[in-house]
Amino acid sequence: MQKAWIRQGITRAVAKQLHTIRLPHDLTKRLMQIKKADIELFQTLELKPIITEISTVIDVCSKQISKCLNAFRPLLSLKLGIGEEQET
């Protein structure tokens, strides 16, 4: 039983540090369409497709595709160092 309070304390500390960002379902669905078109175009063209090529396949303007891709870009830590010496 003594370990339960330790586990609870760790769980609460992690929960305070973790912030989940939820994106709308239609945005997630759009990303899946973009990825599918990207794979199909890559297989046919044997090159990485550009946004305009993807937009013609899924019939969405390239501006919306760029917005969707920006919403799903990898997150970076604010503590990440910058520059050659990796100082913040």
C-alpha atoms as a PDB file:
ATOM      1  CA  MET A   1       0.000   0.000   0.000  1.00  0.00           C
ATOM      2  CA  GLN A   2       2.890   2.375   0.612  1.00  0.00           C
ATOM      3  CA  LYS A   3       3.827   2.318  -3.059  1.00  0.00           C
ATOM      4  CA  ALA A   4       0.385   3.587  -4.092  1.00  0.00           C
ATOM      5  CA  TRP A   5       1.062   7.156  -2.943  1.00  0.00           C
ATOM      6  CA  ILE A   6       4.386   7.168  -4.797  1.00  0.00           C
ATOM      7  CA  ARG A   7       2.672   6.013  -7.999  1.00  0.00           C
ATOM      8  CA  GLN A   8      -0.062   8.611  -7.510  1.00  0.00           C
ATOM      9  CA  GLY A   9       2.516  11.373  -6.980  1.00  0.00           C
ATOM     10  CA  ILE A  10       4.393  10.406 -10.145  1.00  0.00           C
ATOM     11  CA  THR A  11       1.169  10.207 -12.162  1.00  0.00           C
ATOM     12  CA  ARG A  12       0.111  13.670 -11.030  1.00  0.00           C
ATOM     13  CA  ALA A  13       3.536  15.158 -11.800  1.00  0.00           C
ATOM     14  CA  VAL A  14       3.477  13.698 -15.314  1.00  0.00           C
ATOM     15  CA  ALA A  15      -0.084  14.918 -15.856  1.00  0.00           C
ATOM     16  CA  LYS A  16       0.929  18.452 -14.894  1.00  0.00           C
ATOM     17  CA  GLN A  17       3.778  18.406 -17.418  1.00  0.00           C
ATOM     18  CA  LEU A  18       1.812  16.770 -20.219  1.00  0.00           C
ATOM     19  CA  HIS A  19      -0.574  18.852 -22.292  1.00  0.00           C
ATOM     20  CA  THR A  20      -2.491  17.034 -24.984  1.00  0.00           C
ATOM     21  CA  ILE A  21      -3.333  19.037 -28.062  1.00  0.00           C
ATOM     22  CA  ARG A  22      -6.504  17.804 -29.692  1.00  0.00           C
ATOM     23  CA  LEU A  23      -7.156  18.528 -33.335  1.00  0.00           C
ATOM     24  CA  PRO A  24     -10.541  18.396 -35.072  1.00  0.00           C
ATOM     25  CA  HIS A  25     -11.577  15.093 -36.618  1.00  0.00           C
ATOM     26  CA  ASP A  26     -11.974  16.590 -40.100  1.00  0.00           C
ATOM     27  CA  LEU A  27      -8.380  17.838 -39.966  1.00  0.00           C
ATOM     28  CA  THR A  28      -7.157  14.358 -39.054  1.00  0.00           C
ATOM     29  CA  LYS A  29      -9.260  12.871 -41.861  1.00  0.00           C
ATOM     30  CA  ARG A  30      -7.794  15.384 -44.319  1.00  0.00           C
ATOM     31  CA  LEU A  31      -4.272  14.427 -43.234  1.00  0.00           C
ATOM     32  CA  MET A  32      -5.035  10.787 -43.970  1.00  0.00           C
ATOM     33  CA  GLN A  33      -6.189  11.761 -47.472  1.00  0.00           C
ATOM     34  CA  ILE A  34      -3.000  13.750 -47.989  1.00  0.00           C
ATOM     35  CA  LYS A  35      -0.802  10.874 -46.836  1.00  0.00           C
ATOM     36  CA  LYS A  36      -2.645   8.399 -49.062  1.00  0.00           C
ATOM     37  CA  ALA A  37      -2.301  10.686 -52.099  1.00  0.00           C
ATOM     38  CA  ASP A  38       1.352  11.262 -51.244  1.00  0.00           C
ATOM     39  CA  ILE A  39       2.058   7.529 -51.229  1.00  0.00           C
ATOM     40  CA  GLU A  40       0.147   6.906 -54.456  1.00  0.00           C
ATOM     41  CA  LEU A  41       1.882   9.754 -56.273  1.00  0.00           C
ATOM     42  CA  PHE A  42       5.271   8.648 -54.994  1.00  0.00           C
ATOM     43  CA  GLN A  43       4.663   5.156 -56.371  1.00  0.00           C
ATOM     44  CA  THR A  44       3.604   6.439 -59.794  1.00  0.00           C
ATOM     45  CA  LEU A  45       6.035   9.345 -60.181  1.00  0.00           C
ATOM     46  CA  GLU A  46       8.920   7.764 -58.238  1.00  0.00           C
ATOM     47  CA  LEU A  47       9.539  11.247 -56.800  1.00  0.00           C
ATOM     48  CA  LYS A  48       8.304  13.053 -53.713  1.00  0.00           C
ATOM     49  CA  PRO A  49       5.141  14.872 -54.900  1.00  0.00           C
ATOM     50  CA  ILE A  50       4.719  18.593 -54.358  1.00  0.00           C
ATOM     51  CA  ILE A  51       1.684  20.141 -52.694  1.00  0.00           C
ATOM     52  CA  THR A  52       0.061  21.188 -55.977  1.00  0.00           C
ATOM     53  CA  GLU A  53       0.175  17.608 -57.266  1.00  0.00           C
ATOM     54  CA  ILE A  54      -1.431  16.336 -54.084  1.00  0.00           C
ATOM     55  CA  SER A  55      -4.091  19.049 -54.282  1.00  0.00           C
ATOM     56  CA  THR A  56      -5.147  17.935 -57.759  1.00  0.00           C
ATOM     57  CA  VAL A  57      -5.516  14.333 -56.614  1.00  0.00           C
ATOM     58  CA  ILE A  58      -7.680  15.004 -53.553  1.00  0.00           C
ATOM     59  CA  ASP A  59      -9.400  18.081 -55.026  1.00  0.00           C
ATOM     60  CA  VAL A  60      -8.444  20.478 -52.238  1.00  0.00           C
ATOM     61  CA  CYS A  61      -6.632  23.790 -52.646  1.00  0.00           C
ATOM     62  CA  SER A  62      -2.939  23.746 -51.861  1.00  0.00           C
ATOM     63  CA  LYS A  63      -3.403  26.396 -49.152  1.00  0.00           C
ATOM     64  CA  GLN A  64      -5.611  24.016 -47.139  1.00  0.00           C
ATOM     65  CA  ILE A  65      -3.079  21.226 -47.571  1.00  0.00           C
ATOM     66  CA  SER A  66      -0.320  23.479 -46.245  1.00  0.00           C
ATOM     67  CA  LYS A  67      -2.482  24.405 -43.239  1.00  0.00           C
ATOM     68  CA  CYS A  68      -3.150  20.760 -42.492  1.00  0.00           C
ATOM     69  CA  LEU A  69       0.515  19.790 -42.756  1.00  0.00           C
ATOM     70  CA  ASN A  70       1.496  22.690 -40.486  1.00  0.00           C
ATOM     71  CA  ALA A  71      -1.026  21.559 -37.881  1.00  0.00           C
ATOM     72  CA  PHE A  72       0.618  18.138 -37.746  1.00  0.00           C
ATOM     73  CA  ARG A  73       4.257  19.201 -37.835  1.00  0.00           C
ATOM     74  CA  PRO A  74       6.461  17.717 -35.115  1.00  0.00           C
ATOM     75  CA  LEU A  75       6.475  19.552 -31.808  1.00  0.00           C
ATOM     76  CA  LEU A  76       9.725  20.839 -30.352  1.00  0.00           C
ATOM     77  CA  SER A  77      10.603  21.422 -26.739  1.00  0.00           C
ATOM     78  CA  LEU A  78      10.982  24.986 -25.526  1.00  0.00           C
ATOM     79  CA  LYS A  79      14.082  23.793 -23.688  1.00  0.00           C
ATOM     80  CA  LEU A  80      15.736  22.739 -26.939  1.00  0.00           C
ATOM     81  CA  GLY A  81      19.031  24.515 -27.465  1.00  0.00           C
ATOM     82  CA  ILE A  82      19.706  26.594 -30.554  1.00  0.00           C
ATOM     83  CA  GLY A  83      22.895  27.470 -32.341  1.00  0.00           C
ATOM     84  CA  GLU A  84      26.212  25.669 -32.424  1.00  0.00           C
ATOM     85  CA  GLU A  85      26.719  25.665 -28.667  1.00  0.00           C
ATOM     86  CA  GLN A  86      23.127  24.518 -28.046  1.00  0.00           C
ATOM     87  CA  GLU A  87      22.478  27.310 -25.559  1.00  0.00           C
ATOM     88  CA  THR A  88      18.978  28.689 -25.067  1.00  0.00           C
END
